[in-house]
C-alpha atoms as a PDB file:
ATOM      1  CA  MET A   1      -0.678   0.588  -8.695  1.00  0.00           C
ATOM      2  CA  ASP A   2      -1.288  -2.600  -6.706  1.00  0.00           C
ATOM      3  CA  GLU A   3       1.227  -2.177  -3.915  1.00  0.00           C
ATOM      4  CA  PRO A   4       3.248   0.600  -2.306  1.00  0.00           C
ATOM      5  CA  PRO A   5       6.734   1.482  -3.564  1.00  0.00           C
ATOM      6  CA  PRO A   6       9.679  -0.294  -1.891  1.00  0.00           C
ATOM      7  CA  ALA A   7      10.658   0.709   1.643  1.00  0.00           C
ATOM      8  CA  GLY A   8      12.838   3.795   1.765  1.00  0.00           C
ATOM      9  CA  GLU A   9      11.283   5.165  -1.439  1.00  0.00           C
ATOM     10  CA  ARG A  10       7.812   5.746  -0.004  1.00  0.00           C
ATOM     11  CA  LEU A  11       6.758   9.240   0.993  1.00  0.00           C
ATOM     12  CA  ALA A  12       3.464   9.763   2.814  1.00  0.00           C
ATOM     13  CA  LEU A  13       1.796  13.093   3.492  1.00  0.00           C
ATOM     14  CA  VAL A  14       0.143  12.988   6.918  1.00  0.00           C
ATOM     15  CA  LEU A  15      -2.617  15.537   7.551  1.00  0.00           C
ATOM     16  CA  GLU A  16      -3.634  15.420  11.228  1.00  0.00           C
ATOM     17  CA  ASP A  17      -4.347  18.410  13.460  1.00  0.00           C
ATOM     18  CA  GLU A  18      -3.632  16.714  16.802  1.00  0.00           C
ATOM     19  CA  GLU A  19       0.139  16.804  17.232  1.00  0.00           C
ATOM     20  CA  ASP A  20       0.402  13.725  19.465  1.00  0.00           C
ATOM     21  CA  VAL A  21      -1.711  11.653  17.072  1.00  0.00           C
ATOM     22  CA  ARG A  22       0.295  12.952  14.098  1.00  0.00           C
ATOM     23  CA  GLN A  23       3.597  12.058  15.781  1.00  0.00           C
ATOM     24  CA  THR A  24       2.392   8.564  16.683  1.00  0.00           C
ATOM     25  CA  LEU A  25       1.112   7.981  13.147  1.00  0.00           C
ATOM     26  CA  CYS A  26       4.410   9.163  11.650  1.00  0.00           C
ATOM     27  CA  GLU A  27       6.340   6.854  13.990  1.00  0.00           C
ATOM     28  CA  GLN A  28       4.169   3.924  12.890  1.00  0.00           C
ATOM     29  CA  LEU A  29       4.754   4.827   9.245  1.00  0.00           C
ATOM     30  CA  HIS A  30       8.518   5.059   9.810  1.00  0.00           C
ATOM     31  CA  GLN A  31       8.439   1.571  11.374  1.00  0.00           C
ATOM     32  CA  LEU A  32       6.640   0.367   8.234  1.00  0.00           C
ATOM     33  CA  GLY A  33       9.369   1.837   5.997  1.00  0.00           C
ATOM     34  CA  TRP A  34       7.728   5.125   5.019  1.00  0.00           C
ATOM     35  CA  LEU A  35       9.196   8.616   4.956  1.00  0.00           C
ATOM     36  CA  THR A  36       6.738  11.305   6.022  1.00  0.00           C
ATOM     37  CA  LEU A  37       5.788  14.895   5.441  1.00  0.00           C
ATOM     38  CA  GLU A  38       3.351  16.203   8.017  1.00  0.00           C
ATOM     39  CA  THR A  39       0.974  19.100   8.460  1.00  0.00           C
ATOM     40  CA  ALA A  40      -2.013  20.120  10.559  1.00  0.00           C
ATOM     41  CA  SER A  41      -3.535  22.318   7.834  1.00  0.00           C
ATOM     42  CA  GLY A  42      -5.669  21.286   4.879  1.00  0.00           C
ATOM     43  CA  GLU A  43      -4.461  24.278   2.901  1.00  0.00           C
ATOM     44  CA  GLU A  44      -0.812  23.388   3.554  1.00  0.00           C
ATOM     45  CA  ALA A  45      -1.478  19.751   2.642  1.00  0.00           C
ATOM     46  CA  LEU A  46      -2.723  20.799  -0.796  1.00  0.00           C
ATOM     47  CA  GLN A  47       0.327  23.051  -1.245  1.00  0.00           C
ATOM     48  CA  LEU A  48       2.641  20.172  -0.297  1.00  0.00           C
ATOM     49  CA  LEU A  49       0.901  17.851  -2.765  1.00  0.00           C
ATOM     50  CA  GLU A  50       1.434  20.393  -5.554  1.00  0.00           C
ATOM     51  CA  ALA A  51       5.069  21.027  -4.594  1.00  0.00           C
ATOM     52  CA  SER A  52       6.150  17.434  -3.875  1.00  0.00           C
ATOM     53  CA  PRO A  53       5.602  15.026  -6.772  1.00  0.00           C
ATOM     54  CA  ASP A  54       7.286  12.240  -4.762  1.00  0.00           C
ATOM     55  CA  ILE A  55       4.310  11.921  -2.395  1.00  0.00           C
ATOM     56  CA  ALA A  56       3.025   8.370  -2.840  1.00  0.00           C
ATOM     57  CA  LEU A  57       0.197   8.417  -0.276  1.00  0.00           C
ATOM     58  CA  LEU A  58      -2.116  10.890   1.472  1.00  0.00           C
ATOM     59  CA  ILE A  59      -3.339  10.096   4.987  1.00  0.00           C
ATOM     60  CA  SER A  60      -5.881  12.605   6.254  1.00  0.00           C
ATOM     61  CA  ASP A  61      -7.903  13.064   9.400  1.00  0.00           C
ATOM     62  CA  LEU A  62     -11.548  13.921   8.763  1.00  0.00           C
ATOM     63  CA  MET A  63     -12.031  16.743  11.274  1.00  0.00           C
ATOM     64  CA  LEU A  64      -9.607  19.644  10.817  1.00  0.00           C
ATOM     65  CA  PRO A  65      -9.560  23.258  11.981  1.00  0.00           C
ATOM     66  CA  GLY A  66      -9.941  25.942   9.340  1.00  0.00           C
ATOM     67  CA  ALA A  67     -11.900  26.190   6.134  1.00  0.00           C
ATOM     68  CA  LEU A  68     -11.064  22.744   4.731  1.00  0.00           C
ATOM     69  CA  SER A  69     -12.126  19.419   6.223  1.00  0.00           C
ATOM     70  CA  GLY A  70     -10.236  16.229   5.521  1.00  0.00           C
ATOM     71  CA  ALA A  71     -12.994  15.279   3.073  1.00  0.00           C
ATOM     72  CA  ASP A  72     -12.494  18.604   1.232  1.00  0.00           C
ATOM     73  CA  VAL A  73      -8.755  17.988   0.976  1.00  0.00           C
ATOM     74  CA  ILE A  74      -9.303  14.440  -0.275  1.00  0.00           C
ATOM     75  CA  HIS A  75     -11.871  15.519  -2.891  1.00  0.00           C
ATOM     76  CA  THR A  76      -9.449  18.183  -4.188  1.00  0.00           C
ATOM     77  CA  ALA A  77      -6.475  15.809  -4.117  1.00  0.00           C
ATOM     78  CA  ARG A  78      -8.429  13.119  -6.011  1.00  0.00           C
ATOM     79  CA  ARG A  79      -9.325  15.614  -8.747  1.00  0.00           C
ATOM     80  CA  ARG A  80      -5.718  16.806  -9.128  1.00  0.00           C
ATOM     81  CA  PHE A  81      -3.979  13.478  -8.500  1.00  0.00           C
ATOM     82  CA  PRO A  82      -6.396  10.654  -9.396  1.00  0.00           C
ATOM     83  CA  ALA A  83      -3.727   7.939  -9.020  1.00  0.00           C
ATOM     84  CA  LEU A  84      -2.759   9.000  -5.477  1.00  0.00           C
ATOM     85  CA  PRO A  85      -3.734   6.410  -2.849  1.00  0.00           C
ATOM     86  CA  VAL A  86      -5.632   7.952   0.063  1.00  0.00           C
ATOM     87  CA  LEU A  87      -6.381   6.797   3.598  1.00  0.00           C
ATOM     88  CA  LEU A  88      -8.964   8.661   5.683  1.00  0.00           C
ATOM     89  CA  ILE A  89      -8.619   8.384   9.467  1.00  0.00           C
ATOM     90  CA  SER A  90     -11.015   9.532  12.165  1.00  0.00           C
ATOM     91  CA  GLY A  91     -12.297   8.821  15.628  1.00  0.00           C
ATOM     92  CA  GLN A  92     -15.797   9.046  14.154  1.00  0.00           C
ATOM     93  CA  ASP A  93     -17.788   6.305  12.471  1.00  0.00           C
ATOM     94  CA  LEU A  94     -16.604   6.385   8.856  1.00  0.00           C
ATOM     95  CA  ARG A  95     -18.868   3.729   7.394  1.00  0.00           C
ATOM     96  CA  PRO A  96     -20.359   5.027   4.130  1.00  0.00           C
ATOM     97  CA  ALA A  97     -23.911   4.341   5.311  1.00  0.00           C
ATOM     98  CA  GLN A  98     -23.313   6.739   8.207  1.00  0.00           C
ATOM     99  CA  ASN A  99     -21.496   9.349   6.078  1.00  0.00           C
ATOM    100  CA  PRO A 100     -22.726   9.329   2.464  1.00  0.00           C
ATOM    101  CA  ALA A 101     -20.870  12.580   1.644  1.00  0.00           C
ATOM    102  CA  LEU A 102     -17.439  11.131   2.430  1.00  0.00           C
ATOM    103  CA  PRO A 103     -15.110  10.399  -0.480  1.00  0.00           C
ATOM    104  CA  GLU A 104     -14.894   6.778  -1.570  1.00  0.00           C
ATOM    105  CA  VAL A 105     -11.479   5.979  -0.151  1.00  0.00           C
ATOM    106  CA  GLU A 106     -10.006   3.503   2.270  1.00  0.00           C
ATOM    107  CA  TRP A 107     -10.655   4.490   5.894  1.00  0.00           C
ATOM    108  CA  LEU A 108      -9.434   3.572   9.332  1.00  0.00           C
ATOM    109  CA  ARG A 109     -11.052   4.394  12.653  1.00  0.00           C
ATOM    110  CA  LYS A 110      -8.849   5.732  15.459  1.00  0.00           C
ATOM    111  CA  PRO A 111      -7.330   4.371  17.566  1.00  0.00           C
ATOM    112  CA  PHE A 112      -5.605   1.722  15.449  1.00  0.00           C
ATOM    113  CA  THR A 113      -2.587  -0.542  15.681  1.00  0.00           C
ATOM    114  CA  ARG A 114       0.421  -0.566  13.375  1.00  0.00           C
ATOM    115  CA  ALA A 115      -0.831  -3.866  11.912  1.00  0.00           C
ATOM    116  CA  GLN A 116      -4.233  -2.306  11.182  1.00  0.00           C
ATOM    117  CA  LEU A 117      -2.473   0.664   9.585  1.00  0.00           C
ATOM    118  CA  ALA A 118      -0.354  -1.630   7.392  1.00  0.00           C
ATOM    119  CA  GLN A 119      -3.472  -3.498   6.263  1.00  0.00           C
ATOM    120  CA  ALA A 120      -5.288  -0.231   5.485  1.00  0.00           C
ATOM    121  CA  LEU A 121      -2.302   1.045   3.478  1.00  0.00           C
ATOM    122  CA  SER A 122      -2.331  -2.104   1.345  1.00  0.00           C
ATOM    123  CA  ALA A 123      -6.071  -1.712   0.829  1.00  0.00           C
ATOM    124  CA  ALA A 124      -5.622   1.956  -0.164  1.00  0.00           C
ATOM    125  CA  TYR A 125      -3.141   0.908  -2.859  1.00  0.00           C
ATOM    126  CA  ALA A 126      -5.454  -1.855  -4.050  1.00  0.00           C
ATOM    127  CA  ARG A 127      -8.154   0.766  -4.759  1.00  0.00           C
ATOM    128  CA  ILE A 128      -5.995   2.577  -7.344  1.00  0.00           C
END
């Protein structure tokens, strides 16, 4: 899968615990032609992935409340859905040298612009 599906047919699952950040990210995705499902819970994100086969992209924050971190959700999602493009977002330094336990996925450091998001989405699809 080299590029995202056409606009209007793209559904992204956004996992972000901070409501204002989640809303801003969803607005940026809508401007880029994506439909969104959103949640603040890692557990709910995994349930949505199982229940919604139309999800074409997972965007997850790293730090989440509860038992599952964003990395945990991504590791589980990659095992169950190996062809699902994933984008990891965080305010922390996400470089692999600084975080060797992070999943090998595309990442984007907050804050970011819509153009940076669009570039990261393309890169996430290029990894699949």
